[in-house]
Full PDB file with SEQRES, HELIX, SHEET, SSBOND, CRYST1, ORIGX, SCALE, CONECT and MASTER records, all heavy atoms in Angstrom:
SEQRES   1 A   37  ARG PRO SER GLY GLY MET SER MET ASP HIS ALA ILE VAL          
SEQRES   2 A   37  LEU ALA GLY GLY SER GLY LEU ARG PHE TRP PRO GLU SER          
SEQRES   3 A   37  ARG SER ASN ARG SER LYS GLN PHE LEU ASN LEU                  
HELIX    1 AA1 SER A    3  GLY A    5  5                                   3    
HELIX    2 AA2 LEU A   20  PHE A   22  5                                   3    
HELIX    3 AA3 LYS A   32  PHE A   34  5                                   3    
CRYST1    1.000    1.000    1.000  90.00  90.00  90.00 P 1           1          
ORIGX1      1.000000  0.000000  0.000000        0.00000                         
ORIGX2      0.000000  1.000000  0.000000        0.00000                         
ORIGX3      0.000000  0.000000  1.000000        0.00000                         
SCALE1      1.000000  0.000000  0.000000        0.00000                         
SCALE2      0.000000  1.000000  0.000000        0.00000                         
SCALE3      0.000000  0.000000  1.000000        0.00000                         
ATOM      1  N   ARG A   1       0.824  -1.196   0.004  1.00  0.00           N  
ATOM      2  CA  ARG A   1       0.005   0.011   0.005  1.00  0.00           C  
ATOM      3  C   ARG A   1       0.874   1.244  -0.005  1.00  0.00           C  
ATOM      4  O   ARG A   1       1.923   1.281   0.622  1.00  0.00           O  
ATOM      5  CB  ARG A   1      -0.902   0.002   1.228  1.00  0.00           C  
ATOM      6  CG  ARG A   1      -1.955   1.100   1.132  1.00  0.00           C  
ATOM      7  CD  ARG A   1      -2.988   0.993   2.226  1.00  0.00           C  
ATOM      8  NE  ARG A   1      -3.926   2.081   2.092  1.00  0.00           N  
ATOM      9  CZ  ARG A   1      -4.872   2.309   2.981  1.00  0.00           C  
ATOM     10  NH1 ARG A   1      -5.016   1.518   4.004  1.00  0.00           N  
ATOM     11  NH2 ARG A   1      -5.699   3.289   2.818  1.00  0.00           N  
ATOM     12  N   PRO A   2       0.413   2.303  -0.725  1.00  0.00           N  
ATOM     13  CA  PRO A   2       1.234   3.538  -0.770  1.00  0.00           C  
ATOM     14  C   PRO A   2       1.485   4.054   0.618  1.00  0.00           C  
ATOM     15  O   PRO A   2       0.674   3.927   1.538  1.00  0.00           O  
ATOM     16  CB  PRO A   2       0.306   4.485  -1.552  1.00  0.00           C  
ATOM     17  CG  PRO A   2      -0.598   3.603  -2.371  1.00  0.00           C  
ATOM     18  CD  PRO A   2      -0.796   2.391  -1.552  1.00  0.00           C  
ATOM     19  N   SER A   3       2.697   4.653   0.833  1.00  0.00           N  
ATOM     20  CA  SER A   3       3.077   5.134   2.136  1.00  0.00           C  
ATOM     21  C   SER A   3       2.156   6.206   2.650  1.00  0.00           C  
ATOM     22  O   SER A   3       1.572   6.961   1.888  1.00  0.00           O  
ATOM     23  CB  SER A   3       4.507   5.697   2.038  1.00  0.00           C  
ATOM     24  OG  SER A   3       4.551   6.758   1.129  1.00  0.00           O  
ATOM     25  N   GLY A   4       2.002   6.257   3.966  1.00  0.00           N  
ATOM     26  CA  GLY A   4       1.177   7.285   4.569  1.00  0.00           C  
ATOM     27  C   GLY A   4      -0.295   7.011   4.429  1.00  0.00           C  
ATOM     28  O   GLY A   4      -1.135   7.859   4.770  1.00  0.00           O  
ATOM     29  N   GLY A   5      -0.700   5.834   3.862  1.00  0.00           N  
ATOM     30  CA  GLY A   5      -2.104   5.516   3.716  1.00  0.00           C  
ATOM     31  C   GLY A   5      -2.777   6.279   2.597  1.00  0.00           C  
ATOM     32  O   GLY A   5      -4.002   6.226   2.488  1.00  0.00           O  
ATOM     33  N   MET A   6      -2.028   6.993   1.790  1.00  0.00           N  
ATOM     34  CA  MET A   6      -2.644   7.784   0.741  1.00  0.00           C  
ATOM     35  C   MET A   6      -3.103   6.880  -0.406  1.00  0.00           C  
ATOM     36  O   MET A   6      -2.356   6.045  -0.880  1.00  0.00           O  
ATOM     37  CB  MET A   6      -1.680   8.817   0.208  1.00  0.00           C  
ATOM     38  CG  MET A   6      -2.270   9.772  -0.793  1.00  0.00           C  
ATOM     39  SD  MET A   6      -1.084  11.014  -1.354  1.00  0.00           S  
ATOM     40  CE  MET A   6      -0.001  10.034  -2.376  1.00  0.00           C  
ATOM     41  N   SER A   7      -4.340   7.058  -0.811  1.00  0.00           N  
ATOM     42  CA  SER A   7      -4.849   6.248  -1.925  1.00  0.00           C  
ATOM     43  C   SER A   7      -4.313   6.771  -3.242  1.00  0.00           C  
ATOM     44  O   SER A   7      -3.887   7.901  -3.355  1.00  0.00           O  
ATOM     45  CB  SER A   7      -6.389   6.277  -1.949  1.00  0.00           C  
ATOM     46  OG  SER A   7      -6.829   7.610  -2.183  1.00  0.00           O  
ATOM     47  N   MET A   8      -4.335   5.887  -4.218  1.00  0.00           N  
ATOM     48  CA  MET A   8      -3.769   6.233  -5.530  1.00  0.00           C  
ATOM     49  C   MET A   8      -4.840   6.042  -6.624  1.00  0.00           C  
ATOM     50  O   MET A   8      -5.878   5.439  -6.400  1.00  0.00           O  
ATOM     51  CB  MET A   8      -2.572   5.312  -5.832  1.00  0.00           C  
ATOM     52  CG  MET A   8      -1.495   5.353  -4.753  1.00  0.00           C  
ATOM     53  SD  MET A   8      -0.703   6.966  -4.556  1.00  0.00           S  
ATOM     54  CE  MET A   8       0.412   6.932  -5.927  1.00  0.00           C  
ATOM     55  N   ASP A   9      -4.541   6.553  -7.787  1.00  0.00           N  
ATOM     56  CA  ASP A   9      -5.435   6.434  -8.936  1.00  0.00           C  
ATOM     57  C   ASP A   9      -5.038   5.202  -9.749  1.00  0.00           C  
ATOM     58  O   ASP A   9      -3.863   5.014 -10.039  1.00  0.00           O  
ATOM     59  CB  ASP A   9      -5.378   7.664  -9.823  1.00  0.00           C  
ATOM     60  CG  ASP A   9      -5.780   8.960  -9.095  1.00  0.00           C  
ATOM     61  OD1 ASP A   9      -6.634   8.836  -8.161  1.00  0.00           O  
ATOM     62  OD2 ASP A   9      -5.287  10.020  -9.435  1.00  0.00           O  
ATOM     63  N   HIS A  10      -5.997   4.393 -10.126  1.00  0.00           N  
ATOM     64  CA  HIS A  10      -5.796   3.195 -10.953  1.00  0.00           C  
ATOM     65  C   HIS A  10      -6.699   3.241 -12.164  1.00  0.00           C  
ATOM     66  O   HIS A  10      -7.827   3.723 -12.102  1.00  0.00           O  
ATOM     67  CB  HIS A  10      -6.102   1.926 -10.157  1.00  0.00           C  
ATOM     68  CG  HIS A  10      -5.223   1.685  -8.974  1.00  0.00           C  
ATOM     69  ND1 HIS A  10      -4.265   0.677  -8.933  1.00  0.00           N  
ATOM     70  CD2 HIS A  10      -5.122   2.308  -7.771  1.00  0.00           C  
ATOM     71  CE1 HIS A  10      -3.645   0.698  -7.771  1.00  0.00           C  
ATOM     72  NE2 HIS A  10      -4.154   1.671  -7.035  1.00  0.00           N  
ATOM     73  N   ALA A  11      -6.234   2.695 -13.266  1.00  0.00           N  
ATOM     74  CA  ALA A  11      -7.064   2.572 -14.493  1.00  0.00           C  
ATOM     75  C   ALA A  11      -7.314   1.112 -14.747  1.00  0.00           C  
ATOM     76  O   ALA A  11      -6.399   0.277 -14.715  1.00  0.00           O  
ATOM     77  CB  ALA A  11      -6.321   3.188 -15.683  1.00  0.00           C  
ATOM     78  N   ILE A  12      -8.599   0.796 -15.017  1.00  0.00           N  
ATOM     79  CA  ILE A  12      -8.997  -0.579 -15.359  1.00  0.00           C  
ATOM     80  C   ILE A  12      -9.480  -0.567 -16.800  1.00  0.00           C  
ATOM     81  O   ILE A  12     -10.465   0.122 -17.118  1.00  0.00           O  
ATOM     82  CB  ILE A  12     -10.085  -1.079 -14.407  1.00  0.00           C  
ATOM     83  CG1 ILE A  12      -9.581  -1.092 -12.963  1.00  0.00           C  
ATOM     84  CG2 ILE A  12     -10.583  -2.460 -14.834  1.00  0.00           C  
ATOM     85  CD1 ILE A  12     -10.684  -1.351 -11.929  1.00  0.00           C  
ATOM     86  N   VAL A  13      -8.814  -1.301 -17.652  1.00  0.00           N  
ATOM     87  CA  VAL A  13      -9.190  -1.368 -19.072  1.00  0.00           C  
ATOM     88  C   VAL A  13      -9.944  -2.683 -19.329  1.00  0.00           C  
ATOM     89  O   VAL A  13      -9.384  -3.755 -19.072  1.00  0.00           O  
ATOM     90  CB  VAL A  13      -7.913  -1.298 -19.953  1.00  0.00           C  
ATOM     91  CG1 VAL A  13      -8.280  -1.452 -21.431  1.00  0.00           C  
ATOM     92  CG2 VAL A  13      -7.183   0.018 -19.716  1.00  0.00           C  
ATOM     93  N   LEU A  14     -11.167  -2.566 -19.780  1.00  0.00           N  
ATOM     94  CA  LEU A  14     -11.997  -3.722 -20.023  1.00  0.00           C  
ATOM     95  C   LEU A  14     -11.789  -4.218 -21.446  1.00  0.00           C  
ATOM     96  O   LEU A  14     -12.058  -3.514 -22.409  1.00  0.00           O  
ATOM     97  CB  LEU A  14     -13.485  -3.372 -19.818  1.00  0.00           C  
ATOM     98  CG  LEU A  14     -13.844  -2.811 -18.420  1.00  0.00           C  
ATOM     99  CD1 LEU A  14     -15.320  -2.496 -18.352  1.00  0.00           C  
ATOM    100  CD2 LEU A  14     -13.462  -3.802 -17.308  1.00  0.00           C  
ATOM    101  N   ALA A  15     -11.283  -5.446 -21.584  1.00  0.00           N  
ATOM    102  CA  ALA A  15     -10.912  -5.965 -22.897  1.00  0.00           C  
ATOM    103  C   ALA A  15     -11.528  -7.348 -23.113  1.00  0.00           C  
ATOM    104  O   ALA A  15     -10.905  -8.245 -23.690  1.00  0.00           O  
ATOM    105  CB  ALA A  15      -9.385  -6.049 -23.021  1.00  0.00           C  
ATOM    106  N   GLY A  16     -12.740  -7.525 -22.668  1.00  0.00           N  
ATOM    107  CA  GLY A  16     -13.384  -8.841 -22.728  1.00  0.00           C  
ATOM    108  C   GLY A  16     -14.333  -9.050 -23.893  1.00  0.00           C  
ATOM    109  O   GLY A  16     -14.867 -10.137 -24.092  1.00  0.00           O  
ATOM    110  N   GLY A  17     -14.601  -8.013 -24.683  1.00  0.00           N  
ATOM    111  CA  GLY A  17     -15.592  -8.126 -25.750  1.00  0.00           C  
ATOM    112  C   GLY A  17     -15.064  -8.912 -26.943  1.00  0.00           C  
ATOM    113  O   GLY A  17     -13.875  -9.231 -27.038  1.00  0.00           O  
ATOM    114  N   SER A  18     -15.963  -9.225 -27.867  1.00  0.00           N  
ATOM    115  CA  SER A  18     -15.584  -9.986 -29.061  1.00  0.00           C  
ATOM    116  C   SER A  18     -15.600  -9.144 -30.333  1.00  0.00           C  
ATOM    117  O   SER A  18     -14.831  -9.381 -31.261  1.00  0.00           O  
ATOM    118  CB  SER A  18     -16.519 -11.206 -29.215  1.00  0.00           C  
ATOM    119  OG  SER A  18     -17.849 -10.786 -29.329  1.00  0.00           O  
ATOM    120  N   GLY A  19     -16.538  -8.177 -30.394  1.00  0.00           N  
ATOM    121  CA  GLY A  19     -16.572  -7.303 -31.583  1.00  0.00           C  
ATOM    122  C   GLY A  19     -17.007  -8.007 -32.848  1.00  0.00           C  
ATOM    123  O   GLY A  19     -16.359  -7.880 -33.894  1.00  0.00           O  
ATOM    124  N   LEU A  20     -18.128  -8.723 -32.765  1.00  0.00           N  
ATOM    125  CA  LEU A  20     -18.603  -9.496 -33.917  1.00  0.00           C  
ATOM    126  C   LEU A  20     -18.918  -8.608 -35.132  1.00  0.00           C  
ATOM    127  O   LEU A  20     -18.857  -9.042 -36.283  1.00  0.00           O  
ATOM    128  CB  LEU A  20     -19.855 -10.307 -33.546  1.00  0.00           C  
ATOM    129  CG  LEU A  20     -19.667 -11.472 -32.593  1.00  0.00           C  
ATOM    130  CD1 LEU A  20     -21.006 -12.167 -32.331  1.00  0.00           C  
ATOM    131  CD2 LEU A  20     -18.641 -12.466 -33.129  1.00  0.00           C  
ATOM    132  N   ARG A  21     -19.230  -7.324 -34.875  1.00  0.00           N  
ATOM    133  CA  ARG A  21     -19.564  -6.435 -35.970  1.00  0.00           C  
ATOM    134  C   ARG A  21     -18.347  -6.106 -36.855  1.00  0.00           C  
ATOM    135  O   ARG A  21     -18.507  -5.457 -37.895  1.00  0.00           O  
ATOM    136  CB  ARG A  21     -20.205  -5.152 -35.445  1.00  0.00           C  
ATOM    137  CG  ARG A  21     -21.599  -5.343 -34.825  1.00  0.00           C  
ATOM    138  CD  ARG A  21     -22.156  -4.066 -34.272  1.00  0.00           C  
ATOM    139  NE  ARG A  21     -23.445  -4.276 -33.661  1.00  0.00           N  
ATOM    140  CZ  ARG A  21     -23.627  -4.673 -32.413  1.00  0.00           C  
ATOM    141  NH1 ARG A  21     -22.568  -4.890 -31.648  1.00  0.00           N  
ATOM    142  NH2 ARG A  21     -24.841  -4.823 -31.904  1.00  0.00           N  
ATOM    143  N   PHE A  22     -17.176  -6.529 -36.421  1.00  0.00           N  
ATOM    144  CA  PHE A  22     -15.983  -6.289 -37.225  1.00  0.00           C  
ATOM    145  C   PHE A  22     -15.471  -7.566 -37.919  1.00  0.00           C  
ATOM    146  O   PHE A  22     -14.331  -7.652 -38.335  1.00  0.00           O  
ATOM    147  CB  PHE A  22     -14.864  -5.672 -36.382  1.00  0.00           C  
ATOM    148  CG  PHE A  22     -15.056  -4.173 -36.179  1.00  0.00           C  
ATOM    149  CD1 PHE A  22     -15.708  -3.714 -35.051  1.00  0.00           C  
ATOM    150  CD2 PHE A  22     -14.648  -3.273 -37.129  1.00  0.00           C  
ATOM    151  CE1 PHE A  22     -15.911  -2.349 -34.866  1.00  0.00           C  
ATOM    152  CE2 PHE A  22     -14.857  -1.914 -36.976  1.00  0.00           C  
ATOM    153  CZ  PHE A  22     -15.492  -1.448 -35.844  1.00  0.00           C  
ATOM    154  N   TRP A  23     -16.387  -8.576 -38.045  1.00  0.00           N  
ATOM    155  CA  TRP A  23     -16.054  -9.709 -38.880  1.00  0.00           C  
ATOM    156  C   TRP A  23     -15.910  -9.186 -40.310  1.00  0.00           C  
ATOM    157  O   TRP A  23     -16.611  -8.258 -40.728  1.00  0.00           O  
ATOM    158  CB  TRP A  23     -17.193 -10.768 -38.800  1.00  0.00           C  
ATOM    159  CG  TRP A  23     -16.857 -12.019 -39.540  1.00  0.00           C  
ATOM    160  CD1 TRP A  23     -16.205 -13.105 -39.064  1.00  0.00           C  
ATOM    161  CD2 TRP A  23     -17.169 -12.284 -40.909  1.00  0.00           C  
ATOM    162  NE1 TRP A  23     -16.047 -14.025 -40.029  1.00  0.00           N  
ATOM    163  CE2 TRP A  23     -16.655 -13.562 -41.201  1.00  0.00           C  
ATOM    164  CE3 TRP A  23     -17.842 -11.622 -41.925  1.00  0.00           C  
ATOM    165  CZ2 TRP A  23     -16.774 -14.158 -42.464  1.00  0.00           C  
ATOM    166  CZ3 TRP A  23     -17.969 -12.189 -43.164  1.00  0.00           C  
ATOM    167  CH2 TRP A  23     -17.433 -13.439 -43.444  1.00  0.00           C  
ATOM    168  N   PRO A  24     -14.963  -9.714 -41.132  1.00  0.00           N  
ATOM    169  CA  PRO A  24     -14.147 -10.899 -40.900  1.00  0.00           C  
ATOM    170  C   PRO A  24     -12.790 -10.643 -40.266  1.00  0.00           C  
ATOM    171  O   PRO A  24     -11.997 -11.575 -40.122  1.00  0.00           O  
ATOM    172  CB  PRO A  24     -13.947 -11.418 -42.336  1.00  0.00           C  
ATOM    173  CG  PRO A  24     -13.921 -10.195 -43.182  1.00  0.00           C  
ATOM    174  CD  PRO A  24     -14.912  -9.259 -42.543  1.00  0.00           C  
ATOM    175  N   GLU A  25     -12.479  -9.378 -39.891  1.00  0.00           N  
ATOM    176  CA  GLU A  25     -11.202  -9.154 -39.208  1.00  0.00           C  
ATOM    177  C   GLU A  25     -11.238  -9.647 -37.783  1.00  0.00           C  
ATOM    178  O   GLU A  25     -10.269 -10.197 -37.248  1.00  0.00           O  
ATOM    179  CB  GLU A  25     -10.805  -7.680 -39.295  1.00  0.00           C  
ATOM    180  CG  GLU A  25     -10.417  -7.212 -40.687  1.00  0.00           C  
ATOM    181  CD  GLU A  25      -9.737  -5.878 -40.704  1.00  0.00           C  
ATOM    182  OE1 GLU A  25      -9.109  -5.512 -39.706  1.00  0.00           O  
ATOM    183  OE2 GLU A  25      -9.853  -5.195 -41.750  1.00  0.00           O  
ATOM    184  N   SER A  26     -12.377  -9.414 -37.110  1.00  0.00           N  
ATOM    185  CA  SER A  26     -12.557  -9.916 -35.759  1.00  0.00           C  
ATOM    186  C   SER A  26     -13.114 -11.334 -35.826  1.00  0.00           C  
ATOM    187  O   SER A  26     -14.168 -11.567 -36.431  1.00  0.00           O  
ATOM    188  CB  SER A  26     -13.502  -9.012 -34.961  1.00  0.00           C  
ATOM    189  OG  SER A  26     -13.722  -9.526 -33.690  1.00  0.00           O  
ATOM    190  N   ARG A  27     -12.434 -12.273 -35.240  1.00  0.00           N  
ATOM    191  CA  ARG A  27     -12.837 -13.674 -35.269  1.00  0.00           C  
ATOM    192  C   ARG A  27     -12.743 -14.269 -33.873  1.00  0.00           C  
ATOM    193  O   ARG A  27     -12.270 -13.635 -32.923  1.00  0.00           O  
ATOM    194  CB  ARG A  27     -11.968 -14.470 -36.225  1.00  0.00           C  
ATOM    195  CG  ARG A  27     -11.832 -13.797 -37.614  1.00  0.00           C  
ATOM    196  CD  ARG A  27     -12.099 -14.754 -38.716  1.00  0.00           C  
ATOM    197  NE  ARG A  27     -11.774 -14.140 -40.000  1.00  0.00           N  
ATOM    198  CZ  ARG A  27     -11.611 -14.857 -41.105  1.00  0.00           C  
ATOM    199  NH1 ARG A  27     -11.689 -16.172 -41.080  1.00  0.00           N  
ATOM    200  NH2 ARG A  27     -11.333 -14.247 -42.262  1.00  0.00           N  
ATOM    201  N   SER A  28     -13.092 -15.533 -33.776  1.00  0.00           N  
ATOM    202  CA  SER A  28     -13.107 -16.175 -32.438  1.00  0.00           C  
ATOM    203  C   SER A  28     -11.690 -16.239 -31.854  1.00  0.00           C  
ATOM    204  O   SER A  28     -11.533 -16.299 -30.631  1.00  0.00           O  
ATOM    205  CB  SER A  28     -13.678 -17.595 -32.544  1.00  0.00           C  
ATOM    206  OG  SER A  28     -12.966 -18.364 -33.494  1.00  0.00           O  
ATOM    207  N   ASN A  29     -10.668 -16.237 -32.730  1.00  0.00           N  
ATOM    208  CA  ASN A  29      -9.290 -16.290 -32.217  1.00  0.00           C  
ATOM    209  C   ASN A  29      -8.620 -14.934 -32.146  1.00  0.00           C  
ATOM    210  O   ASN A  29      -7.439 -14.833 -31.828  1.00  0.00           O  
ATOM    211  CB  ASN A  29      -8.442 -17.242 -33.067  1.00  0.00           C  
ATOM    212  CG  ASN A  29      -8.312 -16.752 -34.505  1.00  0.00           C  
ATOM    213  OD1 ASN A  29      -8.940 -15.763 -34.912  1.00  0.00           O  
ATOM    214  ND2 ASN A  29      -7.512 -17.447 -35.296  1.00  0.00           N  
ATOM    215  N   ARG A  30      -9.316 -13.853 -32.480  1.00  0.00           N  
ATOM    216  CA  ARG A  30      -8.761 -12.513 -32.384  1.00  0.00           C  
ATOM    217  C   ARG A  30      -9.912 -11.493 -32.240  1.00  0.00           C  
ATOM    218  O   ARG A  30     -10.603 -11.214 -33.217  1.00  0.00           O  
ATOM    219  CB  ARG A  30      -7.896 -12.172 -33.586  1.00  0.00           C  
ATOM    220  CG  ARG A  30      -7.163 -10.840 -33.389  1.00  0.00           C  
ATOM    221  CD  ARG A  30      -6.164 -10.532 -34.493  1.00  0.00           C  
ATOM    222  NE  ARG A  30      -6.828 -10.399 -35.786  1.00  0.00           N  
ATOM    223  CZ  ARG A  30      -6.221  -9.811 -36.843  1.00  0.00           C  
ATOM    224  NH1 ARG A  30      -4.978  -9.377 -36.734  1.00  0.00           N  
ATOM    225  NH2 ARG A  30      -6.865  -9.702 -37.980  1.00  0.00           N  
ATOM    226  N   SER A  31     -10.116 -10.969 -31.066  1.00  0.00           N  
ATOM    227  CA  SER A  31     -11.213 -10.068 -30.790  1.00  0.00           C  
ATOM    228  C   SER A  31     -10.898  -8.657 -31.285  1.00  0.00           C  
ATOM    229  O   SER A  31      -9.755  -8.302 -31.564  1.00  0.00           O  
ATOM    230  CB  SER A  31     -11.515 -10.014 -29.300  1.00  0.00           C  
ATOM    231  OG  SER A  31     -11.844 -11.336 -28.841  1.00  0.00           O  
ATOM    232  N   LYS A  32     -11.925  -7.822 -31.362  1.00  0.00           N  
ATOM    233  CA  LYS A  32     -11.818  -6.469 -31.917  1.00  0.00           C  
ATOM    234  C   LYS A  32     -10.703  -5.641 -31.286  1.00  0.00           C  
ATOM    235  O   LYS A  32     -10.004  -4.916 -31.984  1.00  0.00           O  
ATOM    236  CB  LYS A  32     -13.160  -5.777 -31.719  1.00  0.00           C  
ATOM    237  CG  LYS A  32     -13.182  -4.287 -31.998  1.00  0.00           C  
ATOM    238  CD  LYS A  32     -14.463  -3.644 -31.483  1.00  0.00           C  
ATOM    239  CE  LYS A  32     -14.402  -2.145 -31.527  1.00  0.00           C  
ATOM    240  NZ  LYS A  32     -15.587  -1.532 -30.856  1.00  0.00           N  
ATOM    241  N   GLN A  33     -10.553  -5.719 -29.958  1.00  0.00           N  
ATOM    242  CA  GLN A  33      -9.599  -4.855 -29.287  1.00  0.00           C  
ATOM    243  C   GLN A  33      -8.141  -5.130 -29.644  1.00  0.00           C  
ATOM    244  O   GLN A  33      -7.263  -4.375 -29.320  1.00  0.00           O  
ATOM    245  CB  GLN A  33      -9.775  -4.913 -27.760  1.00  0.00           C  
ATOM    246  CG  GLN A  33      -9.714  -6.321 -27.176  1.00  0.00           C  
ATOM    247  CD  GLN A  33     -11.061  -6.965 -27.135  1.00  0.00           C  
ATOM    248  OE1 GLN A  33     -11.969  -6.627 -27.885  1.00  0.00           O  
ATOM    249  NE2 GLN A  33     -11.224  -7.916 -26.220  1.00  0.00           N  
ATOM    250  N   PHE A  34      -7.905  -6.273 -30.350  1.00  0.00           N  
ATOM    251  CA  PHE A  34      -6.544  -6.606 -30.754  1.00  0.00           C  
ATOM    252  C   PHE A  34      -6.296  -6.298 -32.241  1.00  0.00           C  
ATOM    253  O   PHE A  34      -5.258  -6.633 -32.793  1.00  0.00           O  
ATOM    254  CB  PHE A  34      -6.250  -8.069 -30.458  1.00  0.00           C  
ATOM    255  CG  PHE A  34      -6.504  -8.413 -28.999  1.00  0.00           C  
ATOM    256  CD1 PHE A  34      -7.559  -9.230 -28.669  1.00  0.00           C  
ATOM    257  CD2 PHE A  34      -5.738  -7.870 -28.005  1.00  0.00           C  
ATOM    258  CE1 PHE A  34      -7.823  -9.524 -27.338  1.00  0.00           C  
ATOM    259  CE2 PHE A  34      -5.983  -8.153 -26.667  1.00  0.00           C  
ATOM    260  CZ  PHE A  34      -7.047  -9.007 -26.347  1.00  0.00           C  
ATOM    261  N   LEU A  35      -7.289  -5.656 -32.893  1.00  0.00           N  
ATOM    262  CA  LEU A  35      -7.146  -5.280 -34.294  1.00  0.00           C  
ATOM    263  C   LEU A  35      -6.521  -3.899 -34.434  1.00  0.00           C  
ATOM    264  O   LEU A  35      -6.710  -3.034 -33.569  1.00  0.00           O  
ATOM    265  CB  LEU A  35      -8.534  -5.281 -34.967  1.00  0.00           C  
ATOM    266  CG  LEU A  35      -9.336  -6.562 -34.945  1.00  0.00           C  
ATOM    267  CD1 LEU A  35     -10.698  -6.320 -35.638  1.00  0.00           C  
ATOM    268  CD2 LEU A  35      -8.592  -7.692 -35.641  1.00  0.00           C  
ATOM    269  N   ASN A  36      -5.827  -3.700 -35.557  1.00  0.00           N  
ATOM    270  CA  ASN A  36      -5.330  -2.361 -35.886  1.00  0.00           C  
ATOM    271  C   ASN A  36      -6.387  -1.733 -36.821  1.00  0.00           C  
ATOM    272  O   ASN A  36      -6.316  -1.859 -38.052  1.00  0.00           O  
ATOM    273  CB  ASN A  36      -3.976  -2.458 -36.587  1.00  0.00           C  
ATOM    274  CG  ASN A  36      -3.445  -1.106 -37.002  1.00  0.00           C  
ATOM    275  OD1 ASN A  36      -4.052  -0.067 -36.736  1.00  0.00           O  
ATOM    276  ND2 ASN A  36      -2.315  -1.112 -37.697  1.00  0.00           N  
ATOM    277  N   LEU A  37      -7.356  -1.042 -36.258  1.00  0.00           N  
ATOM    278  CA  LEU A  37      -8.464  -0.491 -37.040  1.00  0.00           C  
ATOM    279  C   LEU A  37      -8.159   0.901 -37.557  1.00  0.00           C  
ATOM    280  O   LEU A  37      -8.583   1.277 -38.652  1.00  0.00           O  
ATOM    281  CB  LEU A  37      -9.745  -0.476 -36.201  1.00  0.00           C  
ATOM    282  CG  LEU A  37     -10.310  -1.831 -35.842  1.00  0.00           C  
ATOM    283  CD1 LEU A  37     -11.546  -1.687 -34.945  1.00  0.00           C  
ATOM    284  CD2 LEU A  37     -10.668  -2.657 -37.094  1.00  0.00           C  
TER     285      LEU A  37                                                      
MASTER        0    0    0    3    0    0    0    6  284    1    0    3          
END                                                                             
């Protein structure tokens, strides 16, 4: 934990989607968030 009990800022990036609307580049083995769009 940060010293002095001071809280910190954190970023949570949600990368669980599939992006079916970007077929045929987005597929079951490569979701939208891993494409170079």
